[in-house]
Protein backbone atom coordinates (compact mmCIF):
# COMPACT_ATOMS: atom_id res chain seq x y z
CA MET A 1 11.39 -86.90 62.10
CA SER A 2 13.18 -88.42 65.07
CA SER A 3 16.80 -87.53 65.76
CA LYS A 4 17.94 -91.14 65.24
CA ILE A 5 16.22 -91.38 61.86
CA GLU A 6 17.74 -88.05 60.77
CA ILE A 7 21.22 -89.12 61.95
CA ASP A 8 20.78 -92.42 60.06
CA SER A 9 19.96 -90.37 56.96
CA VAL A 10 22.94 -88.01 57.35
CA THR A 11 25.24 -91.01 57.79
CA ALA A 12 23.82 -92.81 54.72
CA ASP A 13 24.20 -89.58 52.71
CA PHE A 14 27.84 -89.34 53.78
CA PHE A 15 28.65 -92.92 52.75
CA GLY A 16 26.64 -92.52 49.53
CA ALA A 17 28.54 -89.38 48.46
CA PHE A 18 31.43 -91.54 47.19
CA ASP A 19 29.36 -94.01 45.13
CA ASN A 20 30.26 -94.06 41.43
CA ARG A 21 28.96 -97.52 40.52
CA GLY A 22 27.39 -98.05 37.14
CA GLY A 23 29.03 -94.95 35.67
CA LYS A 24 27.11 -92.52 37.87
CA ALA A 25 28.95 -89.46 39.15
CA ALA A 26 29.95 -89.46 42.81
CA ASP A 27 28.47 -86.47 44.64
CA VAL A 28 31.35 -85.55 46.97
CA ALA A 29 30.15 -81.92 47.00
CA ARG A 30 27.38 -83.32 49.22
CA ILE A 31 30.01 -83.57 51.99
CA LYS A 32 30.07 -79.75 52.17
CA ARG A 33 26.34 -79.81 52.96
CA LEU A 34 26.66 -82.56 55.58
CA VAL A 35 29.74 -81.29 57.46
CA LEU A 36 29.82 -77.93 59.22
CA PRO A 37 32.13 -75.41 57.49
CA GLY A 38 34.70 -75.62 60.32
CA GLY A 39 34.37 -79.39 60.63
CA VAL A 40 37.43 -81.58 61.05
CA ILE A 41 38.02 -84.89 59.25
CA VAL A 42 40.83 -87.15 60.43
CA LYS A 43 42.41 -90.24 58.88
CA THR A 44 44.18 -92.33 61.51
CA GLY A 45 46.83 -94.94 61.10
CA PRO A 46 50.49 -94.74 60.26
CA GLU A 47 49.94 -91.56 58.21
CA LEU A 48 47.74 -89.49 60.52
CA THR A 49 46.15 -86.73 58.42
CA VAL A 50 43.86 -83.91 59.56
CA TYR A 51 41.69 -82.33 56.85
CA THR A 52 39.46 -79.32 56.52
CA VAL A 53 36.29 -80.08 54.59
CA ASP A 54 37.76 -78.68 51.34
CA GLU A 55 41.07 -80.53 51.83
CA PHE A 56 39.11 -83.76 52.22
CA VAL A 57 36.66 -83.27 49.34
CA GLU A 58 38.89 -82.15 46.46
CA PRO A 59 41.28 -85.14 46.17
CA ARG A 60 38.35 -87.54 46.48
CA ARG A 61 36.43 -85.70 43.77
CA ARG A 62 39.44 -86.06 41.45
CA LEU A 63 39.97 -89.74 42.30
CA LEU A 64 36.31 -90.59 41.74
CA THR A 65 36.04 -88.69 38.43
CA ASP A 66 39.41 -89.21 36.70
CA GLY A 67 38.82 -92.90 35.93
CA ARG A 68 41.34 -94.26 38.45
CA LEU A 69 38.67 -95.39 40.95
CA VAL A 70 35.52 -96.88 39.43
CA GLU A 71 32.63 -99.01 40.64
CA PHE A 72 33.36 -97.70 44.12
CA SER A 73 31.02 -97.72 47.07
CA GLU A 74 31.24 -97.87 50.83
CA TRP A 75 28.46 -98.73 53.21
CA GLU A 76 27.80 -98.98 56.90
CA THR A 77 27.53 -102.53 58.23
CA SER A 78 26.77 -101.74 61.88
CA GLU A 79 26.46 -98.70 64.10
CA ARG A 80 26.08 -97.51 67.65
CA THR A 81 24.59 -94.04 68.13
CA GLU A 82 24.27 -92.07 71.36
CA ILE A 83 22.22 -88.86 71.44
CA ALA A 84 22.24 -86.33 74.27
CA GLY A 85 20.14 -83.26 73.54
CA ASP A 86 21.68 -81.49 70.55
CA ILE A 87 24.84 -83.62 70.30
CA ALA A 88 25.36 -87.16 69.06
CA SER A 89 28.17 -89.63 68.59
CA ARG A 90 28.10 -92.54 66.15
CA PHE A 91 30.52 -95.42 65.74
CA SER A 92 30.18 -97.14 62.38
CA GLU A 93 31.73 -100.29 61.01
CA TYR A 94 31.87 -100.12 57.24
CA ARG A 95 32.91 -101.98 54.11
CA LYS A 96 34.08 -100.63 50.77
CA SER A 97 34.86 -102.01 47.35
CA GLY A 98 35.82 -100.78 43.92
CA ILE A 99 38.38 -100.98 41.15
CA LEU A 100 41.48 -98.83 41.65
CA ASP A 101 43.90 -98.49 38.72
CA GLY A 102 42.32 -101.56 37.11
CA GLU A 103 42.63 -103.75 40.24
CA PRO A 104 39.55 -104.83 42.23
CA PHE A 105 39.79 -104.27 45.98
CA GLU A 106 37.72 -104.60 49.13
CA GLY A 107 38.26 -103.25 52.60
CA GLY A 108 36.64 -101.89 55.68
CA GLY A 109 37.16 -100.08 58.91
CA THR A 110 35.62 -97.92 61.58
CA LYS A 111 34.37 -94.35 61.47
CA THR A 112 33.43 -92.19 64.41
CA ILE A 113 31.12 -89.31 63.60
CA GLN A 114 30.30 -86.42 65.92
CA LEU A 115 27.07 -84.60 65.07
CA VAL A 116 25.27 -81.50 66.31
CA ARG A 117 21.70 -80.36 65.78
CA THR A 118 21.56 -77.07 63.87
CA SER A 119 18.61 -74.97 62.69
CA GLU A 120 18.86 -76.95 59.40
CA GLY A 121 18.94 -80.33 61.14
CA TRP A 122 21.75 -82.67 62.19
CA ARG A 123 25.20 -81.94 60.74
CA ILE A 124 28.61 -83.55 61.15
CA SER A 125 31.03 -81.51 63.26
CA ALA A 126 33.91 -84.02 63.21
CA LEU A 127 34.69 -87.39 61.68
CA ALA A 128 37.62 -89.76 62.10
CA TRP A 129 38.25 -93.10 60.44
CA TYR A 130 40.48 -96.10 60.66
CA ASP A 131 40.91 -98.48 57.72
CA ARG A 132 41.69 -102.05 58.70
CA PRO A 133 44.77 -103.37 56.92
C-alpha cells in the first residue's frame, strides 16, 4: 500500500472515530491506536488546550455516549499532504454536524496532522485543530 493511501486511511479513521449517527457507538478508543502513546493533541483558539491522548479521548467518549451529542460526524473536505521519507504532514479542512443538547449545529475548521511511519504503519505523532467561529 502506498504511503499516501495509508495516510488517507489513518486520517479517515481518525475522523470516523467520533461518528455516532444512527445510534451507533462512536469508537474514540480507536484514537489510542492511531496516535502514538506520547502524541500531543492541541486545540487552538481563545482557549488554547494541550492534551495527552488520554486527556483528549475520555471527555469525548463521555460526550458521545451520554446522550448530549447525537447524530454527530465530522469529515474531511479537502487536504494537502506532504511526505518526506518516514515523516508526513497533512493539512485538512473539515466539516462537522450533530445535535448537542437537543440543538442541531454545523461547523468546520482546519486540522494539521503530523505522522510518522512506524513498524506497524503510519501513526499520528501530533495533531492541532482550529474551529472556525
